[in-house]
Structure formats: C-alpha cells, structure tokens
C-alpha atoms as a PDB file:
ATOM      1  CA  UNK A   1      -4.665  25.766   6.254  1.00  0.00           C
ATOM      2  CA  UNK A   2      -4.789  22.354   4.587  1.00  0.00           C
ATOM      3  CA  UNK A   3      -2.028  19.863   5.347  1.00  0.00           C
ATOM      4  CA  UNK A   4      -1.319  17.050   2.933  1.00  0.00           C
ATOM      5  CA  UNK A   5      -3.925  14.300   2.960  1.00  0.00           C
ATOM      6  CA  UNK A   6      -1.252  11.701   3.661  1.00  0.00           C
ATOM      7  CA  UNK A   7      -0.363  13.517   6.878  1.00  0.00           C
ATOM      8  CA  UNK A   8      -3.860  12.865   8.192  1.00  0.00           C
ATOM      9  CA  UNK A   9      -4.006   9.127   7.497  1.00  0.00           C
ATOM     10  CA  UNK A  10      -2.906   8.599  11.100  1.00  0.00           C
ATOM     11  CA  UNK A  11      -6.534   9.335  12.040  1.00  0.00           C
ATOM     12  CA  UNK A  12      -7.553   5.924  10.677  1.00  0.00           C
ATOM     13  CA  UNK A  13      -8.933   3.824  13.496  1.00  0.00           C
ATOM     14  CA  UNK A  14      -8.858   6.716  15.983  1.00  0.00           C
ATOM     15  CA  UNK A  15     -12.593   7.481  15.625  1.00  0.00           C
ATOM     16  CA  UNK A  16     -11.639  11.110  15.064  1.00  0.00           C
ATOM     17  CA  UNK A  17     -12.199  13.416  12.126  1.00  0.00           C
ATOM     18  CA  UNK A  18     -11.123  16.868  10.987  1.00  0.00           C
ATOM     19  CA  UNK A  19     -13.854  19.287   9.920  1.00  0.00           C
ATOM     20  CA  UNK A  20     -13.447  22.441   7.868  1.00  0.00           C
ATOM     21  CA  UNK A  21     -15.772  25.070   9.326  1.00  0.00           C
ATOM     22  CA  UNK A  22     -17.387  27.734   7.140  1.00  0.00           C
ATOM     23  CA  UNK A  23     -20.287  30.166   7.022  1.00  0.00           C
ATOM     24  CA  UNK A  24     -22.938  30.697   4.368  1.00  0.00           C
ATOM     25  CA  UNK A  25     -23.710  34.195   5.613  1.00  0.00           C
ATOM     26  CA  UNK A  26     -26.368  33.100   8.108  1.00  0.00           C
ATOM     27  CA  UNK A  27     -26.076  32.606  11.850  1.00  0.00           C
ATOM     28  CA  UNK A  28     -25.324  28.898  11.404  1.00  0.00           C
ATOM     29  CA  UNK A  29     -21.884  27.319  11.298  1.00  0.00           C
ATOM     30  CA  UNK A  30     -21.411  24.521   8.763  1.00  0.00           C
ATOM     31  CA  UNK A  31     -18.723  21.917   8.219  1.00  0.00           C
ATOM     32  CA  UNK A  32     -17.492  19.180   5.893  1.00  0.00           C
ATOM     33  CA  UNK A  33     -14.792  16.556   6.292  1.00  0.00           C
ATOM     34  CA  UNK A  34     -11.363  17.978   5.484  1.00  0.00           C
ATOM     35  CA  UNK A  35     -10.487  14.844   3.515  1.00  0.00           C
ATOM     36  CA  UNK A  36     -12.962  15.939   0.852  1.00  0.00           C
ATOM     37  CA  UNK A  37     -11.437  19.404   0.441  1.00  0.00           C
ATOM     38  CA  UNK A  38      -8.628  19.703  -2.081  1.00  0.00           C
ATOM     39  CA  UNK A  39      -7.998  23.423  -1.633  1.00  0.00           C
ATOM     40  CA  UNK A  40      -9.502  26.702  -0.456  1.00  0.00           C
ATOM     41  CA  UNK A  41      -9.316  29.886  -2.521  1.00  0.00           C
ATOM     42  CA  UNK A  42     -10.959  33.238  -3.049  1.00  0.00           C
ATOM     43  CA  UNK A  43     -14.030  33.117  -5.243  1.00  0.00           C
ATOM     44  CA  UNK A  44     -12.724  33.073  -8.850  1.00  0.00           C
ATOM     45  CA  UNK A  45     -14.189  34.446 -12.061  1.00  0.00           C
ATOM     46  CA  UNK A  46     -16.957  32.054 -13.095  1.00  0.00           C
ATOM     47  CA  UNK A  47     -18.216  31.505 -16.633  1.00  0.00           C
ATOM     48  CA  UNK A  48     -21.998  31.384 -16.695  1.00  0.00           C
ATOM     49  CA  UNK A  49     -23.412  28.727 -18.967  1.00  0.00           C
ATOM     50  CA  UNK A  50     -27.002  28.134 -20.080  1.00  0.00           C
ATOM     51  CA  UNK A  51     -29.269  25.367 -18.811  1.00  0.00           C
ATOM     52  CA  UNK A  52     -27.304  24.694 -15.646  1.00  0.00           C
ATOM     53  CA  UNK A  53     -29.102  23.082 -12.668  1.00  0.00           C
ATOM     54  CA  UNK A  54     -30.444  25.315  -9.920  1.00  0.00           C
ATOM     55  CA  UNK A  55     -27.666  26.398  -7.594  1.00  0.00           C
ATOM     56  CA  UNK A  56     -24.893  25.953 -10.171  1.00  0.00           C
ATOM     57  CA  UNK A  57     -23.258  29.333 -10.805  1.00  0.00           C
ATOM     58  CA  UNK A  58     -21.271  28.200 -13.828  1.00  0.00           C
ATOM     59  CA  UNK A  59     -17.917  26.685 -14.745  1.00  0.00           C
ATOM     60  CA  UNK A  60     -14.269  27.422 -14.043  1.00  0.00           C
ATOM     61  CA  UNK A  61     -11.020  26.102 -15.464  1.00  0.00           C
ATOM     62  CA  UNK A  62      -8.772  24.714 -12.774  1.00  0.00           C
ATOM     63  CA  UNK A  63      -5.383  23.203 -13.636  1.00  0.00           C
ATOM     64  CA  UNK A  64      -6.534  22.045 -17.034  1.00  0.00           C
ATOM     65  CA  UNK A  65      -9.903  20.711 -15.885  1.00  0.00           C
ATOM     66  CA  UNK A  66     -13.311  22.331 -16.245  1.00  0.00           C
ATOM     67  CA  UNK A  67     -15.388  21.952 -13.087  1.00  0.00           C
ATOM     68  CA  UNK A  68     -18.853  23.168 -12.077  1.00  0.00           C
ATOM     69  CA  UNK A  69     -19.218  25.651  -9.239  1.00  0.00           C
ATOM     70  CA  UNK A  70     -22.171  25.498  -6.874  1.00  0.00           C
ATOM     71  CA  UNK A  71     -23.441  28.149  -4.517  1.00  0.00           C
ATOM     72  CA  UNK A  72     -24.106  26.094  -1.381  1.00  0.00           C
ATOM     73  CA  UNK A  73     -26.529  28.693  -0.037  1.00  0.00           C
ATOM     74  CA  UNK A  74     -28.375  28.658  -3.370  1.00  0.00           C
ATOM     75  CA  UNK A  75     -28.477  24.864  -3.661  1.00  0.00           C
ATOM     76  CA  UNK A  76     -29.748  24.638  -0.073  1.00  0.00           C
ATOM     77  CA  UNK A  77     -32.321  27.397  -0.721  1.00  0.00           C
ATOM     78  CA  UNK A  78     -31.286  29.416   2.327  1.00  0.00           C
ATOM     79  CA  UNK A  79     -33.654  32.363   2.255  1.00  0.00           C
ATOM     80  CA  UNK A  80     -31.741  34.328   4.912  1.00  0.00           C
ATOM     81  CA  UNK A  81     -28.383  34.052   3.134  1.00  0.00           C
ATOM     82  CA  UNK A  82     -26.996  37.372   1.840  1.00  0.00           C
ATOM     83  CA  UNK A  83     -26.977  37.997  -1.913  1.00  0.00           C
ATOM     84  CA  UNK A  84     -23.824  37.433  -3.911  1.00  0.00           C
ATOM     85  CA  UNK A  85     -21.467  34.544  -4.361  1.00  0.00           C
ATOM     86  CA  UNK A  86     -19.543  34.830  -1.119  1.00  0.00           C
ATOM     87  CA  UNK A  87     -15.853  35.345  -0.662  1.00  0.00           C
ATOM     88  CA  UNK A  88     -14.424  31.807  -0.711  1.00  0.00           C
ATOM     89  CA  UNK A  89     -14.502  28.621  -2.765  1.00  0.00           C
ATOM     90  CA  UNK A  90     -13.841  25.096  -1.554  1.00  0.00           C
ATOM     91  CA  UNK A  91     -12.515  22.746  -4.232  1.00  0.00           C
ATOM     92  CA  UNK A  92     -13.806  19.330  -3.258  1.00  0.00           C
ATOM     93  CA  UNK A  93     -13.875  15.746  -4.478  1.00  0.00           C
ATOM     94  CA  UNK A  94     -17.041  13.693  -4.087  1.00  0.00           C
ATOM     95  CA  UNK A  95     -17.578  10.386  -5.796  1.00  0.00           C
ATOM     96  CA  UNK A  96     -14.617  10.978  -8.147  1.00  0.00           C
ATOM     97  CA  UNK A  97     -16.098  14.338  -9.187  1.00  0.00           C
ATOM     98  CA  UNK A  98     -14.302  17.640  -8.584  1.00  0.00           C
ATOM     99  CA  UNK A  99     -16.582  20.517  -7.651  1.00  0.00           C
ATOM    100  CA  UNK A 100     -16.281  24.075  -6.467  1.00  0.00           C
ATOM    101  CA  UNK A 101     -18.492  25.092  -3.523  1.00  0.00           C
ATOM    102  CA  UNK A 102     -19.011  28.799  -2.936  1.00  0.00           C
ATOM    103  CA  UNK A 103     -19.281  29.810   0.719  1.00  0.00           C
ATOM    104  CA  UNK A 104     -19.488  33.139   2.535  1.00  0.00           C
ATOM    105  CA  UNK A 105     -16.223  32.681   4.406  1.00  0.00           C
ATOM    106  CA  UNK A 106     -14.003  29.947   5.824  1.00  0.00           C
ATOM    107  CA  UNK A 107     -13.402  29.728   9.566  1.00  0.00           C
ATOM    108  CA  UNK A 108     -10.901  27.046  10.598  1.00  0.00           C
ATOM    109  CA  UNK A 109     -10.230  23.322  10.875  1.00  0.00           C
ATOM    110  CA  UNK A 110     -11.174  21.466  14.048  1.00  0.00           C
ATOM    111  CA  UNK A 111     -10.622  17.896  15.172  1.00  0.00           C
ATOM    112  CA  UNK A 112     -13.522  16.097  16.850  1.00  0.00           C
ATOM    113  CA  UNK A 113     -14.327  12.613  18.094  1.00  0.00           C
ATOM    114  CA  UNK A 114     -16.939  10.830  15.992  1.00  0.00           C
ATOM    115  CA  UNK A 115     -18.688   9.848  19.215  1.00  0.00           C
ATOM    116  CA  UNK A 116     -19.437  13.566  19.694  1.00  0.00           C
ATOM    117  CA  UNK A 117     -21.070  13.719  16.266  1.00  0.00           C
ATOM    118  CA  UNK A 118     -24.782  12.950  16.364  1.00  0.00           C
ATOM    119  CA  UNK A 119     -26.957  12.079  13.397  1.00  0.00           C
ATOM    120  CA  UNK A 120     -29.402  14.827  12.523  1.00  0.00           C
ATOM    121  CA  UNK A 121     -33.110  14.183  12.894  1.00  0.00           C
ATOM    122  CA  UNK A 122     -33.917  16.911  10.371  1.00  0.00           C
ATOM    123  CA  UNK A 123     -35.515  15.839   7.100  1.00  0.00           C
ATOM    124  CA  UNK A 124     -37.482  17.264   4.230  1.00  0.00           C
ATOM    125  CA  UNK A 125     -36.896  20.411   2.221  1.00  0.00           C
ATOM    126  CA  UNK A 126     -34.713  23.340   3.191  1.00  0.00           C
ATOM    127  CA  UNK A 127     -31.414  23.414   5.013  1.00  0.00           C
ATOM    128  CA  UNK A 128     -32.593  20.799   7.523  1.00  0.00           C
ATOM    129  CA  UNK A 129     -32.846  18.196   4.793  1.00  0.00           C
ATOM    130  CA  UNK A 130     -29.168  18.693   3.960  1.00  0.00           C
ATOM    131  CA  UNK A 131     -27.804  18.391   7.494  1.00  0.00           C
ATOM    132  CA  UNK A 132     -26.263  14.975   7.997  1.00  0.00           C
ATOM    133  CA  UNK A 133     -25.054  15.352  11.562  1.00  0.00           C
ATOM    134  CA  UNK A 134     -24.463  17.832  14.377  1.00  0.00           C
ATOM    135  CA  UNK A 135     -21.478  18.369  16.637  1.00  0.00           C
ATOM    136  CA  UNK A 136     -20.780  20.903  19.366  1.00  0.00           C
ATOM    137  CA  UNK A 137     -17.734  23.136  19.751  1.00  0.00           C
ATOM    138  CA  UNK A 138     -16.050  23.726  23.095  1.00  0.00           C
ATOM    139  CA  UNK A 139     -17.716  27.141  23.290  1.00  0.00           C
ATOM    140  CA  UNK A 140     -21.169  25.569  22.960  1.00  0.00           C
ATOM    141  CA  UNK A 141     -21.819  26.547  19.341  1.00  0.00           C
ATOM    142  CA  UNK A 142     -23.322  23.861  17.109  1.00  0.00           C
ATOM    143  CA  UNK A 143     -21.850  22.828  13.769  1.00  0.00           C
ATOM    144  CA  UNK A 144     -24.106  21.392  11.057  1.00  0.00           C
ATOM    145  CA  UNK A 145     -22.228  18.816   8.965  1.00  0.00           C
ATOM    146  CA  UNK A 146     -23.632  18.880   5.450  1.00  0.00           C
ATOM    147  CA  UNK A 147     -24.912  15.895   3.514  1.00  0.00           C
ATOM    148  CA  UNK A 148     -23.172  16.853   0.286  1.00  0.00           C
ATOM    149  CA  UNK A 149     -24.258  13.603  -1.375  1.00  0.00           C
ATOM    150  CA  UNK A 150     -27.874  14.692  -0.946  1.00  0.00           C
ATOM    151  CA  UNK A 151     -27.102  18.174  -2.263  1.00  0.00           C
ATOM    152  CA  UNK A 152     -25.386  16.670  -5.312  1.00  0.00           C
ATOM    153  CA  UNK A 153     -28.238  14.215  -5.922  1.00  0.00           C
ATOM    154  CA  UNK A 154     -30.814  17.004  -5.785  1.00  0.00           C
ATOM    155  CA  UNK A 155     -28.685  19.233  -8.024  1.00  0.00           C
ATOM    156  CA  UNK A 156     -27.386  16.802 -10.639  1.00  0.00           C
ATOM    157  CA  UNK A 157     -29.713  13.829 -10.165  1.00  0.00           C
ATOM    158  CA  UNK A 158     -29.032  10.465  -8.571  1.00  0.00           C
ATOM    159  CA  UNK A 159     -26.522   8.092 -10.115  1.00  0.00           C
ATOM    160  CA  UNK A 160     -28.141   5.483 -12.323  1.00  0.00           C
ATOM    161  CA  UNK A 161     -27.644   1.793 -11.624  1.00  0.00           C
ATOM    162  CA  UNK A 162     -27.256  -0.108 -14.878  1.00  0.00           C
ATOM    163  CA  UNK A 163     -27.854  -3.731 -15.757  1.00  0.00           C
ATOM    164  CA  UNK A 164     -26.579  -6.093 -13.067  1.00  0.00           C
ATOM    165  CA  UNK A 165     -26.972  -9.837 -13.365  1.00  0.00           C
ATOM    166  CA  UNK A 166     -28.335 -11.602 -10.286  1.00  0.00           C
ATOM    167  CA  UNK A 167     -26.091 -13.939  -8.369  1.00  0.00           C
ATOM    168  CA  UNK A 168     -26.692 -17.656  -8.582  1.00  0.00           C
ATOM    169  CA  UNK A 169     -28.367 -18.790  -5.347  1.00  0.00           C
ATOM    170  CA  UNK A 170     -28.577 -15.152  -4.301  1.00  0.00           C
ATOM    171  CA  UNK A 171     -31.539 -15.971  -2.056  1.00  0.00           C
ATOM    172  CA  UNK A 172     -29.084 -17.830   0.189  1.00  0.00           C
ATOM    173  CA  UNK A 173     -26.715 -14.848   0.512  1.00  0.00           C
ATOM    174  CA  UNK A 174     -26.971 -12.297   3.328  1.00  0.00           C
ATOM    175  CA  UNK A 175     -25.301  -8.880   3.242  1.00  0.00           C
ATOM    176  CA  UNK A 176     -25.248  -6.295   6.016  1.00  0.00           C
ATOM    177  CA  UNK A 177     -24.463  -2.692   5.062  1.00  0.00           C
ATOM    178  CA  UNK A 178     -24.157   0.594   6.912  1.00  0.00           C
ATOM    179  CA  UNK A 179     -24.265   4.150   5.575  1.00  0.00           C
ATOM    180  CA  UNK A 180     -25.458   7.374   7.154  1.00  0.00           C
ATOM    181  CA  UNK A 181     -26.592   8.895   3.838  1.00  0.00           C
ATOM    182  CA  UNK A 182     -30.167   8.199   2.730  1.00  0.00           C
ATOM    183  CA  UNK A 183     -29.127   8.624  -0.904  1.00  0.00           C
ATOM    184  CA  UNK A 184     -26.329   6.073  -0.514  1.00  0.00           C
ATOM    185  CA  UNK A 185     -28.575   3.571   1.290  1.00  0.00           C
ATOM    186  CA  UNK A 186     -31.130   3.754  -1.516  1.00  0.00           C
ATOM    187  CA  UNK A 187     -28.516   3.123  -4.208  1.00  0.00           C
ATOM    188  CA  UNK A 188     -26.778   0.324  -2.268  1.00  0.00           C
ATOM    189  CA  UNK A 189     -30.119  -1.409  -1.712  1.00  0.00           C
ATOM    190  CA  UNK A 190     -30.843  -1.087  -5.436  1.00  0.00           C
ATOM    191  CA  UNK A 191     -27.559  -2.808  -6.313  1.00  0.00           C
ATOM    192  CA  UNK A 192     -28.177  -5.591  -3.781  1.00  0.00           C
ATOM    193  CA  UNK A 193     -31.716  -6.092  -5.071  1.00  0.00           C
ATOM    194  CA  UNK A 194     -30.377  -6.467  -8.604  1.00  0.00           C
ATOM    195  CA  UNK A 195     -27.859  -9.020  -7.289  1.00  0.00           C
ATOM    196  CA  UNK A 196     -30.898 -10.784  -5.757  1.00  0.00           C
ATOM    197  CA  UNK A 197     -29.302 -11.131  -2.304  1.00  0.00           C
ATOM    198  CA  UNK A 198     -30.875 -10.591   1.101  1.00  0.00           C
ATOM    199  CA  UNK A 199     -29.755  -7.475   2.930  1.00  0.00           C
ATOM    200  CA  UNK A 200     -30.128  -5.548   6.165  1.00  0.00           C
ATOM    201  CA  UNK A 201     -28.730  -2.149   7.065  1.00  0.00           C
ATOM    202  CA  UNK A 202     -27.802   0.292   9.817  1.00  0.00           C
ATOM    203  CA  UNK A 203     -27.588   4.077   9.686  1.00  0.00           C
ATOM    204  CA  UNK A 204     -24.342   4.683  11.586  1.00  0.00           C
ATOM    205  CA  UNK A 205     -21.299   2.811  12.816  1.00  0.00           C
ATOM    206  CA  UNK A 206     -22.416   2.451  16.431  1.00  0.00           C
ATOM    207  CA  UNK A 207     -25.801   1.075  15.416  1.00  0.00           C
ATOM    208  CA  UNK A 208     -24.071  -1.320  13.026  1.00  0.00           C
ATOM    209  CA  UNK A 209     -21.658  -2.608  15.682  1.00  0.00           C
ATOM    210  CA  UNK A 210     -24.517  -3.094  18.167  1.00  0.00           C
ATOM    211  CA  UNK A 211     -26.534  -5.092  15.649  1.00  0.00           C
ATOM    212  CA  UNK A 212     -23.565  -7.122  14.429  1.00  0.00           C
ATOM    213  CA  UNK A 213     -22.552  -7.954  17.999  1.00  0.00           C
ATOM    214  CA  UNK A 214     -26.105  -9.066  18.662  1.00  0.00           C
ATOM    215  CA  UNK A 215     -26.065 -11.324  15.603  1.00  0.00           C
ATOM    216  CA  UNK A 216     -22.784 -12.890  16.726  1.00  0.00           C
ATOM    217  CA  UNK A 217     -24.069 -13.445  20.269  1.00  0.00           C
ATOM    218  CA  UNK A 218     -27.235 -15.059  18.969  1.00  0.00           C
ATOM    219  CA  UNK A 219     -25.227 -17.368  16.728  1.00  0.00           C
ATOM    220  CA  UNK A 220     -23.165 -18.463  19.724  1.00  0.00           C
ATOM    221  CA  UNK A 221     -26.294 -19.107  21.772  1.00  0.00           C
ATOM    222  CA  UNK A 222     -27.777 -21.413  19.134  1.00  0.00           C
ATOM    223  CA  UNK A 223     -24.452 -23.161  18.570  1.00  0.00           C
ATOM    224  CA  UNK A 224     -23.609 -21.984  15.061  1.00  0.00           C
ATOM    225  CA  UNK A 225     -21.186 -19.620  13.378  1.00  0.00           C
ATOM    226  CA  UNK A 226     -22.227 -16.121  12.403  1.00  0.00           C
ATOM    227  CA  UNK A 227     -20.827 -16.999   8.965  1.00  0.00           C
ATOM    228  CA  UNK A 228     -23.915 -19.131   8.491  1.00  0.00           C
ATOM    229  CA  UNK A 229     -26.099 -16.024   8.840  1.00  0.00           C
ATOM    230  CA  UNK A 230     -23.874 -13.356   7.280  1.00  0.00           C
ATOM    231  CA  UNK A 231     -21.768 -13.458   4.117  1.00  0.00           C
ATOM    232  CA  UNK A 232     -20.437  -9.899   3.748  1.00  0.00           C
ATOM    233  CA  UNK A 233     -20.358  -6.545   5.540  1.00  0.00           C
ATOM    234  CA  UNK A 234     -20.322  -3.274   3.565  1.00  0.00           C
ATOM    235  CA  UNK A 235     -19.258  -0.182   5.525  1.00  0.00           C
ATOM    236  CA  UNK A 236     -19.134   3.541   4.831  1.00  0.00           C
ATOM    237  CA  UNK A 237     -15.994   5.400   5.918  1.00  0.00           C
ATOM    238  CA  UNK A 238     -17.526   8.499   7.533  1.00  0.00           C
ATOM    239  CA  UNK A 239     -20.372   8.011   9.999  1.00  0.00           C
ATOM    240  CA  UNK A 240     -21.566   9.642  13.213  1.00  0.00           C
ATOM    241  CA  UNK A 241     -20.732   8.073  16.579  1.00  0.00           C
ATOM    242  CA  UNK A 242     -18.406   5.430  15.107  1.00  0.00           C
ATOM    243  CA  UNK A 243     -16.696   5.676  11.742  1.00  0.00           C
ATOM    244  CA  UNK A 244     -16.125   2.854   9.300  1.00  0.00           C
ATOM    245  CA  UNK A 245     -12.460   2.484  10.214  1.00  0.00           C
ATOM    246  CA  UNK A 246     -13.184   1.782  13.875  1.00  0.00           C
ATOM    247  CA  UNK A 247     -16.134  -0.426  12.924  1.00  0.00           C
ATOM    248  CA  UNK A 248     -13.893  -2.457  10.602  1.00  0.00           C
ATOM    249  CA  UNK A 249     -11.183  -2.734  13.238  1.00  0.00           C
ATOM    250  CA  UNK A 250     -13.773  -4.003  15.742  1.00  0.00           C
ATOM    251  CA  UNK A 251     -15.037  -6.597  13.282  1.00  0.00           C
ATOM    252  CA  UNK A 252     -11.587  -7.779  12.283  1.00  0.00           C
ATOM    253  CA  UNK A 253     -10.427  -8.092  15.902  1.00  0.00           C
ATOM    254  CA  UNK A 254     -13.460 -10.200  16.888  1.00  0.00           C
ATOM    255  CA  UNK A 255     -12.863 -13.871  16.062  1.00  0.00           C
ATOM    256  CA  UNK A 256     -16.614 -14.455  15.775  1.00  0.00           C
ATOM    257  CA  UNK A 257     -16.468 -12.647  12.417  1.00  0.00           C
ATOM    258  CA  UNK A 258     -13.449 -14.538  11.063  1.00  0.00           C
ATOM    259  CA  UNK A 259     -13.802 -15.211   7.353  1.00  0.00           C
ATOM    260  CA  UNK A 260     -16.497 -12.604   6.702  1.00  0.00           C
ATOM    261  CA  UNK A 261     -15.228 -10.039   4.166  1.00  0.00           C
ATOM    262  CA  UNK A 262     -15.552  -6.329   4.905  1.00  0.00           C
ATOM    263  CA  UNK A 263     -15.854  -3.959   1.947  1.00  0.00           C
ATOM    264  CA  UNK A 264     -15.447  -0.209   2.438  1.00  0.00           C
ATOM    265  CA  UNK A 265     -17.653   1.998   0.246  1.00  0.00           C
ATOM    266  CA  UNK A 266     -16.763   5.672   0.378  1.00  0.00           C
ATOM    267  CA  UNK A 267     -16.950   8.946  -1.512  1.00  0.00           C
ATOM    268  CA  UNK A 268     -13.335   9.445  -0.407  1.00  0.00           C
ATOM    269  CA  UNK A 269     -11.497   7.917  -3.342  1.00  0.00           C
ATOM    270  CA  UNK A 270      -7.865   9.009  -2.874  1.00  0.00           C
ATOM    271  CA  UNK A 271      -5.005   6.556  -2.459  1.00  0.00           C
ATOM    272  CA  UNK A 272      -4.573   7.852   1.092  1.00  0.00           C
ATOM    273  CA  UNK A 273      -8.072   6.716   1.964  1.00  0.00           C
ATOM    274  CA  UNK A 274      -7.442   3.323   0.373  1.00  0.00           C
ATOM    275  CA  UNK A 275      -4.372   3.066   2.592  1.00  0.00           C
ATOM    276  CA  UNK A 276      -6.449   3.977   5.636  1.00  0.00           C
ATOM    277  CA  UNK A 277      -8.884   1.183   4.788  1.00  0.00           C
ATOM    278  CA  UNK A 278      -6.083  -1.346   4.359  1.00  0.00           C
ATOM    279  CA  UNK A 279      -4.576  -0.299   7.691  1.00  0.00           C
ATOM    280  CA  UNK A 280      -7.685  -1.480   9.559  1.00  0.00           C
ATOM    281  CA  UNK A 281      -8.098  -4.650   7.502  1.00  0.00           C
ATOM    282  CA  UNK A 282     -10.777  -4.051   4.872  1.00  0.00           C
ATOM    283  CA  UNK A 283     -10.857  -6.761   2.220  1.00  0.00           C
ATOM    284  CA  UNK A 284     -11.793  -4.400  -0.614  1.00  0.00           C
ATOM    285  CA  UNK A 285     -12.355  -0.684  -1.181  1.00  0.00           C
ATOM    286  CA  UNK A 286     -14.788   0.733  -3.741  1.00  0.00           C
ATOM    287  CA  UNK A 287     -15.466   4.419  -4.412  1.00  0.00           C
ATOM    288  CA  UNK A 288     -19.004   5.812  -4.529  1.00  0.00           C
ATOM    289  CA  UNK A 289     -21.021   5.742  -6.575  1.00  0.00           C
ATOM    290  CA  UNK A 290     -20.517   3.345  -9.449  1.00  0.00           C
ATOM    291  CA  UNK A 291     -23.212   0.684  -9.300  1.00  0.00           C
ATOM    292  CA  UNK A 292     -21.410  -1.684 -11.645  1.00  0.00           C
ATOM    293  CA  UNK A 293     -18.109  -1.370  -9.749  1.00  0.00           C
ATOM    294  CA  UNK A 294     -19.890  -1.950  -6.446  1.00  0.00           C
ATOM    295  CA  UNK A 295     -21.707  -4.992  -7.804  1.00  0.00           C
ATOM    296  CA  UNK A 296     -18.490  -6.422  -9.277  1.00  0.00           C
ATOM    297  CA  UNK A 297     -16.614  -5.966  -5.993  1.00  0.00           C
ATOM    298  CA  UNK A 298     -19.411  -7.513  -3.941  1.00  0.00           C
ATOM    299  CA  UNK A 299     -19.785 -10.415  -6.357  1.00  0.00           C
ATOM    300  CA  UNK A 300     -16.048 -11.162  -6.256  1.00  0.00           C
ATOM    301  CA  UNK A 301     -15.894 -11.056  -2.449  1.00  0.00           C
ATOM    302  CA  UNK A 302     -19.043 -13.162  -2.041  1.00  0.00           C
ATOM    303  CA  UNK A 303     -17.795 -15.846  -4.423  1.00  0.00           C
ATOM    304  CA  UNK A 304     -14.456 -15.931  -2.614  1.00  0.00           C
ATOM    305  CA  UNK A 305     -16.229 -16.199   0.728  1.00  0.00           C
ATOM    306  CA  UNK A 306     -18.385 -19.059  -0.551  1.00  0.00           C
ATOM    307  CA  UNK A 307     -15.312 -21.121  -1.514  1.00  0.00           C
ATOM    308  CA  UNK A 308     -13.461 -20.604   1.793  1.00  0.00           C
END
C-alpha cells in the first residue's frame, strides 16, 4: 500500500496531500498524512508495562528499537469504539519519535487537494478535540484528519522548552509564524517569547498568505519595504487550505518579500521532506519539537537577515 516516501516528493508545491484512511470501529472515517506512516501491519504481540500513560497499550520491539504502542480509540476516549485492540497497527514518526498506533482496520490511501481540507471548529474533550481538519470524499463521506500532536501531548505531556537567551534588540525584531496545531502554536510562541521578539501568527496557510499579502500591500502604500516590518516567516508543512510548500513558493516568488528568510518547522523530519522544503526555497528546515533547535535556527537566520 505504501510507496517509498521519495516517490511522493513530487507533491511538493502542488497543494496536494495523500491521506491514509482508517477506522477505529465507529461510524467515523479517520485519516493521517501518509508521509507520517512508515508501515502498516497486523496488530503484533504487545508487552504490557506498568505505569504507562492512559491509552498506551505497552511496548513492542521493532527492528532493534523499542517503541510504545497507543490505542487511538483509547487515547481519544471513544466510548462507542468496540473493545479490543483492533486488527491493524500504523508505525508512524512524529517529532522524531516512532510510535505504533492501533486502529480497527485500514481502508486505503487517497489524494486530496489541501484547498478541500477545512480546519475543524471542534474543540474541547473527546474525539472532537483531536480532529484537526475535515475533508470530503467523492461519495460524500467525511474524513476526520487527526491532530496527532495533540493526542501525543495529552498522552505523554508537552515538550519542555529549556533555557533560551533573549536576542539583543529583540524588541525590534518581528516574526510571523503559521501552524494549524494549537499545541505547536503554544510552543512556538513560548520560544519566541524567550527570544524576546515580537510575533504574530496565522492558523493555516491561506490565512497566512492573506495576512502577509496585506502587510506587503500596506508597506507599498506607505512607501517602505515589508522588510522593515517583518524579519522572518516560520511555516508549518501541513496545513488546511494551503500547505507550507505552496505558501513558501508564493512568498519566494513575490519580490516584495525578497530578503526575508522562510523557515519550515515540521513534524515530518525525513530527508525527503527536507528535500521538499529546499525545492520550494525554504532557507532552513527544523523538525518539531526541539525548542533549543528552533531557537538556534531562528537566531541564526535573524542575525543573517540583519546583516544583509
């Protein structure tokens, strides 16, 4: 079912994504980005271990590595899900961490346009709080795309941001960032606050491009360069309506943004995804979520921008 990741790098800049569809035993159909799935297998034997977080079934050994296995239905507290572990396991990579996700069964892979993916308005506890976006199949059925970063944060705890020294004259620095994950936005803002720089944000690629275009138009109207109002743009890779690759391509092809570095921040950490970022012109790529690595990358790009 899964082609090589490198074979899908041609999607960069196409504003399209591939989603692996699966069921958790309820009437809903769920999906996650295929790029995050390393393999699909039958549910293996799982070693139960004490004091594991809620939703974690235990550990397995996979190709010399020990990885935790989560029941997605359990972690999401789906009361109408059938008992048992389900028949399939997705081996995934999020934020440089390999995990096994137990699901009821796997359906198929589909390709959709990001513009057909709408951000979910659901929030709070329960399955709704873990739905990042919604898309519709040709037959009218809805697919709920899971916010796995939120599930991981609730299961294992949020990543800690360590000591970060503020930037000299940080009050004169302006950063714009975009991420569709609430967890990611909170942690990015924490890093930027520790760097002592001003920041604004958007929640998806289309919103970001609309706001950035407005900033550039305003700068033209008042007779200045947008570089005087904006020092760096930080983009997520996967976002509803417009992904980070198309957003970056738009920025890099618009001369009004010449000289403003674009950093891609993504839970997709493979070399293929780095190559996808380079293909659309990102100035740096940093994997989620390592607060110190993010701060170091931003600091380096901001200092370079200040001297140009």
